[in-house]
Protein backbone atom coordinates (compact mmCIF):
# COMPACT_ATOMS: atom_id res chain seq x y z
CA MET A 1 -20.12 -119.81 201.94
CA ALA A 2 -17.59 -121.85 199.96
CA PHE A 3 -16.92 -122.88 196.39
CA THR A 4 -15.15 -125.83 194.78
CA ILE A 5 -13.06 -125.59 191.63
CA THR A 6 -11.09 -128.28 189.78
CA GLN A 7 -7.40 -127.41 189.61
CA LYS A 8 -4.31 -129.00 188.09
CA LEU A 9 -1.85 -129.40 190.96
CA SER A 10 1.59 -130.94 191.32
CA LYS A 11 1.45 -134.09 193.41
CA GLN A 12 4.17 -135.52 195.67
CA SER A 13 4.44 -138.51 197.95
CA PHE A 14 6.40 -138.13 201.17
CA TYR A 15 8.14 -140.99 202.92
CA LYS A 16 8.26 -139.56 206.42
CA GLU A 17 10.63 -142.08 207.99
CA ILE A 18 13.42 -141.30 205.52
CA GLY A 19 12.52 -137.72 204.58
CA VAL A 20 12.12 -138.38 200.84
CA TYR A 21 9.70 -136.60 198.50
CA VAL A 22 8.81 -138.24 195.18
CA ASP A 23 7.22 -136.18 192.39
CA GLU A 24 4.15 -137.83 190.91
CA GLY A 25 3.30 -135.38 188.13
CA VAL A 26 0.20 -133.24 187.82
CA GLU A 27 -3.30 -134.25 188.87
CA GLU A 28 -6.71 -132.60 188.49
CA VAL A 29 -8.40 -132.38 191.89
CA PRO A 30 -11.45 -130.62 193.33
CA VAL A 31 -10.27 -127.87 195.72
CA THR A 32 -12.66 -126.13 198.10
CA TYR A 33 -12.05 -122.52 199.16
CA GLU A 34 -13.97 -120.93 202.02
CA TYR A 35 -13.66 -117.27 203.04
CA ASN A 36 -12.17 -116.93 206.52
CA SER A 37 -11.32 -113.29 207.31
CA LEU A 38 -10.12 -109.93 206.06
CA THR A 39 -6.52 -109.22 206.96
CA GLY A 40 -6.05 -105.78 205.47
CA TYR A 41 -7.48 -102.85 203.54
CA ASP A 42 -5.48 -99.89 202.26
CA GLY A 43 -8.28 -97.93 200.60
CA THR A 44 -8.06 -99.73 197.24
CA THR A 45 -6.92 -103.29 197.94
CA VAL A 46 -8.40 -105.87 200.29
CA SER A 47 -6.41 -108.83 201.63
CA ALA A 48 -8.29 -111.90 202.80
CA THR A 49 -7.60 -115.41 204.04
CA TYR A 50 -9.39 -118.58 202.97
CA ARG A 51 -9.67 -122.10 204.34
CA VAL A 52 -8.57 -124.57 201.65
CA SER A 53 -9.33 -128.28 201.52
CA ILE A 54 -9.12 -131.26 199.17
CA ASN A 55 -11.56 -134.11 199.80
CA GLY A 56 -12.02 -132.96 203.41
CA ALA A 57 -8.28 -132.65 204.16
CA VAL A 58 -7.69 -129.05 205.31
CA ALA A 59 -4.49 -127.14 204.49
CA SER A 60 -2.31 -126.43 207.52
CA GLU A 61 -2.09 -122.72 206.62
CA ALA A 62 -4.64 -120.24 205.33
CA TYR A 63 -4.54 -119.23 201.66
CA ARG A 64 -3.99 -115.48 201.26
CA PHE A 65 -5.35 -113.43 198.36
CA SER A 66 -5.53 -109.69 197.66
CA PHE A 67 -7.93 -108.00 195.26
CA GLU A 68 -8.96 -104.56 194.04
CA TYR A 69 -11.91 -103.21 195.97
CA SER A 70 -14.08 -100.34 194.69
CA GLY A 71 -15.83 -99.65 197.99
CA ASP A 72 -19.28 -100.22 196.48
CA ALA A 73 -20.12 -103.34 198.50
CA ASN A 74 -19.13 -105.10 201.68
CA PRO A 75 -15.68 -106.61 200.96
CA THR A 76 -16.54 -109.82 202.79
CA SER A 77 -19.45 -110.39 200.41
CA VAL A 78 -17.20 -110.25 197.32
CA ALA A 79 -14.08 -112.01 198.67
CA GLU A 80 -14.94 -115.51 197.38
CA GLU A 81 -16.28 -114.13 194.11
CA LYS A 82 -12.98 -112.31 193.43
CA LEU A 83 -10.87 -115.35 194.32
CA LYS A 84 -12.97 -117.68 192.18
CA ALA A 85 -12.75 -115.32 189.19
CA PHE A 86 -8.95 -115.21 189.60
CA LEU A 87 -8.56 -119.00 189.91
CA GLU A 88 -10.65 -119.55 186.78
CA THR A 89 -8.06 -117.61 184.76
CA LEU A 90 -5.24 -120.01 185.71
C-alpha cells in the first residue's frame, strides 16, 4: 500500500560534467511513499523504512521514519498512516 502527498521541495539542477549544482527555488510536487520494512522497535517506538518516488523516479536510499507505537495493532499496518499524518503537519 502506498500514498501520494503534494510537498514543497527545494529543486536543484546538476551539471554532471562540471560538478555544478544550481538552485532553482521551491516546487510543489507529488511524492509517493510506500512502506518497505520495520527496522527497529524498542517497546514504545517503531522505526520503519519507506520507498519514495516522484513521477516514477525512485530515491536511491530509503526514507526512514520513527513513530510512537502503543502496541494495540500490528505496527506494519499503521506505518504509512503515521508517516502520512506527520507529513501533513509540515
